[in-house]
Amino acid sequence: MLDIAEKLNEIGAGLRSLAEPWADTTSPAGRMVLTVFAGMAEFERAPCAVTPDVHPADTRVGG
């Protein structure tokens, strides 16, 4: 969606939702909200490699 909004901006047009007031690329606040949402979506798609694989035997208490 950001790519579409950017292409529209290049030709002097904007994207404005009739149902969602935050989705308005014709205003600085609308572009910021759209950018934040795109960042959140990218973060959710990224694989979460927080902890390495742990063998069940390595999780025993005291051993």
PDB file of N, CA and C in Angstrom:
ATOM      1  N   MET A   1       0.821  -1.180   0.000  1.00  0.00           N
ATOM      2  CA  MET A   1       0.000   0.000   0.000  1.00  0.00           C
ATOM      3  C   MET A   1       0.878   1.262   0.000  1.00  0.00           C
ATOM      4  N   LEU A   2       2.012   1.184   0.721  1.00  0.00           N
ATOM      5  CA  LEU A   2       2.919   2.333   0.720  1.00  0.00           C
ATOM      6  C   LEU A   2       3.475   2.596  -0.673  1.00  0.00           C
ATOM      7  N   ASP A   3       3.751   1.537  -1.420  1.00  0.00           N
ATOM      8  CA  ASP A   3       4.261   1.715  -2.782  1.00  0.00           C
ATOM      9  C   ASP A   3       3.229   2.424  -3.652  1.00  0.00           C
ATOM     10  N   ILE A   4       1.977   2.032  -3.516  1.00  0.00           N
ATOM     11  CA  ILE A   4       0.906   2.668  -4.285  1.00  0.00           C
ATOM     12  C   ILE A   4       0.777   4.136  -3.892  1.00  0.00           C
ATOM     13  N   ALA A   5       0.812   4.401  -2.598  1.00  0.00           N
ATOM     14  CA  ALA A   5       0.713   5.781  -2.121  1.00  0.00           C
ATOM     15  C   ALA A   5       1.873   6.620  -2.646  1.00  0.00           C
ATOM     16  N   GLU A   6       3.068   6.049  -2.680  1.00  0.00           N
ATOM     17  CA  GLU A   6       4.236   6.778  -3.175  1.00  0.00           C
ATOM     18  C   GLU A   6       4.119   7.061  -4.670  1.00  0.00           C
ATOM     19  N   LYS A   7       3.643   6.087  -5.439  1.00  0.00           N
ATOM     20  CA  LYS A   7       3.465   6.301  -6.880  1.00  0.00           C
ATOM     21  C   LYS A   7       2.407   7.367  -7.144  1.00  0.00           C
ATOM     22  N   LEU A   8       1.346   7.368  -6.368  1.00  0.00           N
ATOM     23  CA  LEU A   8       0.333   8.404  -6.513  1.00  0.00           C
ATOM     24  C   LEU A   8       0.907   9.775  -6.177  1.00  0.00           C
ATOM     25  N   ASN A   9       1.726   9.827  -5.137  1.00  0.00           N
ATOM     26  CA  ASN A   9       2.349  11.085  -4.733  1.00  0.00           C
ATOM     27  C   ASN A   9       3.261  11.627  -5.832  1.00  0.00           C
ATOM     28  N   GLU A  10       3.961  10.736  -6.522  1.00  0.00           N
ATOM     29  CA  GLU A  10       4.876  11.151  -7.590  1.00  0.00           C
ATOM     30  C   GLU A  10       4.145  11.848  -8.733  1.00  0.00           C
ATOM     31  N   ILE A  11       2.899  11.457  -8.980  1.00  0.00           N
ATOM     32  CA  ILE A  11       2.145  12.091 -10.074  1.00  0.00           C
ATOM     33  C   ILE A  11       1.240  13.214  -9.563  1.00  0.00           C
ATOM     34  N   GLY A  12       1.385  13.549  -8.284  1.00  0.00           N
ATOM     35  CA  GLY A  12       0.624  14.664  -7.734  1.00  0.00           C
ATOM     36  C   GLY A  12      -0.754  14.306  -7.215  1.00  0.00           C
ATOM     37  N   ALA A  13      -0.988  13.024  -7.003  1.00  0.00           N
ATOM     38  CA  ALA A  13      -2.283  12.570  -6.481  1.00  0.00           C
ATOM     39  C   ALA A  13      -2.098  12.043  -5.066  1.00  0.00           C
ATOM     40  N   GLY A  14      -3.186  11.761  -4.398  1.00  0.00           N
ATOM     41  CA  GLY A  14      -3.123  11.222  -3.046  1.00  0.00           C
ATOM     42  C   GLY A  14      -4.133  10.114  -2.860  1.00  0.00           C
ATOM     43  N   LEU A  15      -4.025   9.453  -1.752  1.00  0.00           N
ATOM     44  CA  LEU A  15      -4.923   8.358  -1.398  1.00  0.00           C
ATOM     45  C   LEU A  15      -5.698   8.792  -0.161  1.00  0.00           C
ATOM     46  N   ARG A  16      -7.016   8.753  -0.257  1.00  0.00           N
ATOM     47  CA  ARG A  16      -7.846   9.144   0.876  1.00  0.00           C
ATOM     48  C   ARG A  16      -9.014   8.161   0.989  1.00  0.00           C
ATOM     49  N   SER A  17      -9.128   7.520   2.141  1.00  0.00           N
ATOM     50  CA  SER A  17     -10.215   6.583   2.384  1.00  0.00           C
ATOM     51  C   SER A  17     -11.463   7.348   2.809  1.00  0.00           C
ATOM     52  N   LEU A  18     -12.586   6.954   2.276  1.00  0.00           N
ATOM     53  CA  LEU A  18     -13.842   7.573   2.677  1.00  0.00           C
ATOM     54  C   LEU A  18     -14.322   7.052   4.020  1.00  0.00           C
ATOM     55  N   ALA A  19     -13.906   5.844   4.371  1.00  0.00           N
ATOM     56  CA  ALA A  19     -14.378   5.218   5.608  1.00  0.00           C
ATOM     57  C   ALA A  19     -13.412   5.390   6.774  1.00  0.00           C
ATOM     58  N   GLU A  20     -12.115   5.525   6.484  1.00  0.00           N
ATOM     59  CA  GLU A  20     -11.098   5.605   7.531  1.00  0.00           C
ATOM     60  C   GLU A  20     -10.380   6.948   7.461  1.00  0.00           C
ATOM     61  N   PRO A  21     -10.615   7.833   8.411  1.00  0.00           N
ATOM     62  CA  PRO A  21     -10.002   9.159   8.343  1.00  0.00           C
ATOM     63  C   PRO A  21      -8.477   9.151   8.480  1.00  0.00           C
ATOM     64  N   TRP A  22      -7.904   8.123   9.085  1.00  0.00           N
ATOM     65  CA  TRP A  22      -6.455   8.073   9.250  1.00  0.00           C
ATOM     66  C   TRP A  22      -5.749   7.741   7.938  1.00  0.00           C
ATOM     67  N   ALA A  23      -6.447   7.126   7.011  1.00  0.00           N
ATOM     68  CA  ALA A  23      -5.842   6.715   5.740  1.00  0.00           C
ATOM     69  C   ALA A  23      -5.972   7.862   4.736  1.00  0.00           C
ATOM     70  N   ASP A  24      -5.120   8.869   4.888  1.00  0.00           N
ATOM     71  CA  ASP A  24      -5.166  10.054   4.052  1.00  0.00           C
ATOM     72  C   ASP A  24      -3.735  10.488   3.761  1.00  0.00           C
ATOM     73  N   THR A  25      -3.248  10.141   2.571  1.00  0.00           N
ATOM     74  CA  THR A  25      -1.862  10.480   2.245  1.00  0.00           C
ATOM     75  C   THR A  25      -1.721  11.914   1.760  1.00  0.00           C
ATOM     76  N   THR A  26      -2.805  12.673   1.765  1.00  0.00           N
ATOM     77  CA  THR A  26      -2.717  14.067   1.355  1.00  0.00           C
ATOM     78  C   THR A  26      -2.335  14.971   2.519  1.00  0.00           C
ATOM     79  N   SER A  27      -2.269  14.417   3.735  1.00  0.00           N
ATOM     80  CA  SER A  27      -1.871  15.212   4.901  1.00  0.00           C
ATOM     81  C   SER A  27      -0.621  14.592   5.535  1.00  0.00           C
ATOM     82  N   PRO A  28       0.206  15.411   6.176  1.00  0.00           N
ATOM     83  CA  PRO A  28       1.393  14.862   6.848  1.00  0.00           C
ATOM     84  C   PRO A  28       1.038  13.834   7.921  1.00  0.00           C
ATOM     85  N   ALA A  29      -0.022  14.084   8.689  1.00  0.00           N
ATOM     86  CA  ALA A  29      -0.421  13.139   9.744  1.00  0.00           C
ATOM     87  C   ALA A  29      -0.881  11.813   9.151  1.00  0.00           C
ATOM     88  N   GLY A  30      -1.614  11.857   8.062  1.00  0.00           N
ATOM     89  CA  GLY A  30      -2.069  10.630   7.407  1.00  0.00           C
ATOM     90  C   GLY A  30      -0.916   9.814   6.856  1.00  0.00           C
ATOM     91  N   ARG A  31       0.085  10.489   6.261  1.00  0.00           N
ATOM     92  CA  ARG A  31       1.267   9.778   5.757  1.00  0.00           C
ATOM     93  C   ARG A  31       2.043   9.141   6.904  1.00  0.00           C
ATOM     94  N   MET A  32       2.120   9.842   8.037  1.00  0.00           N
ATOM     95  CA  MET A  32       2.835   9.293   9.190  1.00  0.00           C
ATOM     96  C   MET A  32       2.132   8.038   9.724  1.00  0.00           C
ATOM     97  N   VAL A  33       0.816   8.102   9.859  1.00  0.00           N
ATOM     98  CA  VAL A  33       0.069   6.946  10.370  1.00  0.00           C
ATOM     99  C   VAL A  33       0.217   5.759   9.424  1.00  0.00           C
ATOM    100  N   LEU A  34       0.118   6.006   8.141  1.00  0.00           N
ATOM    101  CA  LEU A  34       0.267   4.922   7.165  1.00  0.00           C
ATOM    102  C   LEU A  34       1.657   4.307   7.238  1.00  0.00           C
ATOM    103  N   THR A  35       2.670   5.129   7.430  1.00  0.00           N
ATOM    104  CA  THR A  35       4.042   4.645   7.551  1.00  0.00           C
ATOM    105  C   THR A  35       4.222   3.815   8.816  1.00  0.00           C
ATOM    106  N   VAL A  36       3.637   4.255   9.921  1.00  0.00           N
ATOM    107  CA  VAL A  36       3.720   3.494  11.180  1.00  0.00           C
ATOM    108  C   VAL A  36       3.035   2.143  11.020  1.00  0.00           C
ATOM    109  N   PHE A  37       1.845   2.128  10.414  1.00  0.00           N
ATOM    110  CA  PHE A  37       1.146   0.859  10.214  1.00  0.00           C
ATOM    111  C   PHE A  37       1.948  -0.085   9.329  1.00  0.00           C
ATOM    112  N   ALA A  38       2.592   0.452   8.298  1.00  0.00           N
ATOM    113  CA  ALA A  38       3.411  -0.387   7.422  1.00  0.00           C
ATOM    114  C   ALA A  38       4.595  -0.961   8.188  1.00  0.00           C
ATOM    115  N   GLY A  39       5.199  -0.166   9.064  1.00  0.00           N
ATOM    116  CA  GLY A  39       6.303  -0.670   9.891  1.00  0.00           C
ATOM    117  C   GLY A  39       5.861  -1.767  10.826  1.00  0.00           C
ATOM    118  N   MET A  40       4.678  -1.611  11.409  1.00  0.00           N
ATOM    119  CA  MET A  40       4.157  -2.643  12.308  1.00  0.00           C
ATOM    120  C   MET A  40       3.872  -3.928  11.539  1.00  0.00           C
ATOM    121  N   ALA A  41       3.327  -3.806  10.346  1.00  0.00           N
ATOM    122  CA  ALA A  41       3.042  -4.988   9.536  1.00  0.00           C
ATOM    123  C   ALA A  41       4.328  -5.709   9.153  1.00  0.00           C
ATOM    124  N   GLU A  42       5.367  -4.945   8.818  1.00  0.00           N
ATOM    125  CA  GLU A  42       6.656  -5.558   8.482  1.00  0.00           C
ATOM    126  C   GLU A  42       7.234  -6.280   9.693  1.00  0.00           C
ATOM    127  N   PHE A  43       7.122  -5.684  10.861  1.00  0.00           N
ATOM    128  CA  PHE A  43       7.620  -6.298  12.088  1.00  0.00           C
ATOM    129  C   PHE A  43       6.901  -7.616  12.373  1.00  0.00           C
ATOM    130  N   GLU A  44       5.592  -7.664  12.157  1.00  0.00           N
ATOM    131  CA  GLU A  44       4.832  -8.895  12.401  1.00  0.00           C
ATOM    132  C   GLU A  44       5.191  -9.997  11.417  1.00  0.00           C
ATOM    133  N   ARG A  45       5.572  -9.626  10.196  1.00  0.00           N
ATOM    134  CA  ARG A  45       5.934 -10.636   9.192  1.00  0.00           C
ATOM    135  C   ARG A  45       7.321 -11.196   9.407  1.00  0.00           C
ATOM    136  N   ALA A  46       8.173 -10.462  10.090  1.00  0.00           N
ATOM    137  CA  ALA A  46       9.559 -10.886  10.290  1.00  0.00           C
ATOM    138  C   ALA A  46       9.599 -12.105  11.213  1.00  0.00           C
ATOM    139  N   PRO A  47      10.462 -13.054  10.912  1.00  0.00           N
ATOM    140  CA  PRO A  47      10.575 -14.218  11.796  1.00  0.00           C
ATOM    141  C   PRO A  47      11.160 -13.811  13.148  1.00  0.00           C
ATOM    142  N   CYS A  48      10.606 -14.368  14.171  1.00  0.00           N
ATOM    143  CA  CYS A  48      11.081 -14.062  15.527  1.00  0.00           C
ATOM    144  C   CYS A  48      12.076 -15.134  15.948  1.00  0.00           C
ATOM    145  N   ALA A  49      13.332 -14.777  15.973  1.00  0.00           N
ATOM    146  CA  ALA A  49      14.390 -15.697  16.383  1.00  0.00           C
ATOM    147  C   ALA A  49      14.951 -15.196  17.708  1.00  0.00           C
ATOM    148  N   VAL A  50      14.136 -15.235  18.730  1.00  0.00           N
ATOM    149  CA  VAL A  50      14.524 -14.685  20.018  1.00  0.00           C
ATOM    150  C   VAL A  50      15.395 -15.659  20.787  1.00  0.00           C
ATOM    151  N   THR A  51      15.006 -16.920  20.817  1.00  0.00           N
ATOM    152  CA  THR A  51      15.773 -17.921  21.557  1.00  0.00           C
ATOM    153  C   THR A  51      16.196 -19.044  20.607  1.00  0.00           C
ATOM    154  N   PRO A  52      17.389 -19.567  20.819  1.00  0.00           N
ATOM    155  CA  PRO A  52      17.826 -20.697  19.989  1.00  0.00           C
ATOM    156  C   PRO A  52      17.054 -21.956  20.372  1.00  0.00           C
ATOM    157  N   ASP A  53      17.128 -22.946  19.514  1.00  0.00           N
ATOM    158  CA  ASP A  53      16.488 -24.226  19.827  1.00  0.00           C
ATOM    159  C   ASP A  53      17.171 -24.832  21.058  1.00  0.00           C
ATOM    160  N   VAL A  54      16.354 -25.287  21.987  1.00  0.00           N
ATOM    161  CA  VAL A  54      16.864 -25.898  23.219  1.00  0.00           C
ATOM    162  C   VAL A  54      16.390 -27.341  23.252  1.00  0.00           C
ATOM    163  N   HIS A  55      17.312 -28.228  23.500  1.00  0.00           N
ATOM    164  CA  HIS A  55      16.977 -29.638  23.612  1.00  0.00           C
ATOM    165  C   HIS A  55      16.243 -29.863  24.933  1.00  0.00           C
ATOM    166  N   PRO A  56      15.154 -30.643  24.944  1.00  0.00           N
ATOM    167  CA  PRO A  56      14.399 -30.867  26.203  1.00  0.00           C
ATOM    168  C   PRO A  56      15.252 -31.364  27.360  1.00  0.00           C
ATOM    169  N   ALA A  57      16.293 -32.146  27.082  1.00  0.00           N
ATOM    170  CA  ALA A  57      17.145 -32.645  28.160  1.00  0.00           C
ATOM    171  C   ALA A  57      17.940 -31.523  28.831  1.00  0.00           C
ATOM    172  N   ASP A  58      18.164 -30.443  28.099  1.00  0.00           N
ATOM    173  CA  ASP A  58      18.917 -29.315  28.652  1.00  0.00           C
ATOM    174  C   ASP A  58      18.090 -28.448  29.594  1.00  0.00           C
ATOM    175  N   THR A  59      16.788 -28.700  29.673  1.00  0.00           N
ATOM    176  CA  THR A  59      15.921 -27.864  30.498  1.00  0.00           C
ATOM    177  C   THR A  59      15.652 -28.477  31.865  1.00  0.00           C
ATOM    178  N   ARG A  60      16.260 -29.628  32.176  1.00  0.00           N
ATOM    179  CA  ARG A  60      16.043 -30.263  33.480  1.00  0.00           C
ATOM    180  C   ARG A  60      16.643 -29.423  34.589  1.00  0.00           C
ATOM    181  N   VAL A  61      15.968 -29.409  35.682  1.00  0.00           N
ATOM    182  CA  VAL A  61      16.458 -28.677  36.838  1.00  0.00           C
ATOM    183  C   VAL A  61      17.609 -29.482  37.472  1.00  0.00           C
ATOM    184  N   GLY A  62      18.714 -28.814  37.696  1.00  0.00           N
ATOM    185  CA  GLY A  62      19.860 -29.448  38.362  1.00  0.00           C
ATOM    186  C   GLY A  62      20.636 -30.397  37.488  1.00  0.00           C
ATOM    187  N   GLY A  63      20.457 -30.355  36.199  1.00  0.00           N
ATOM    188  CA  GLY A  63      21.227 -31.327  35.494  1.00  0.00           C
ATOM    189  C   GLY A  63      21.532 -31.016  34.117  1.00  0.00           C
TER     190      GLY A  63
END
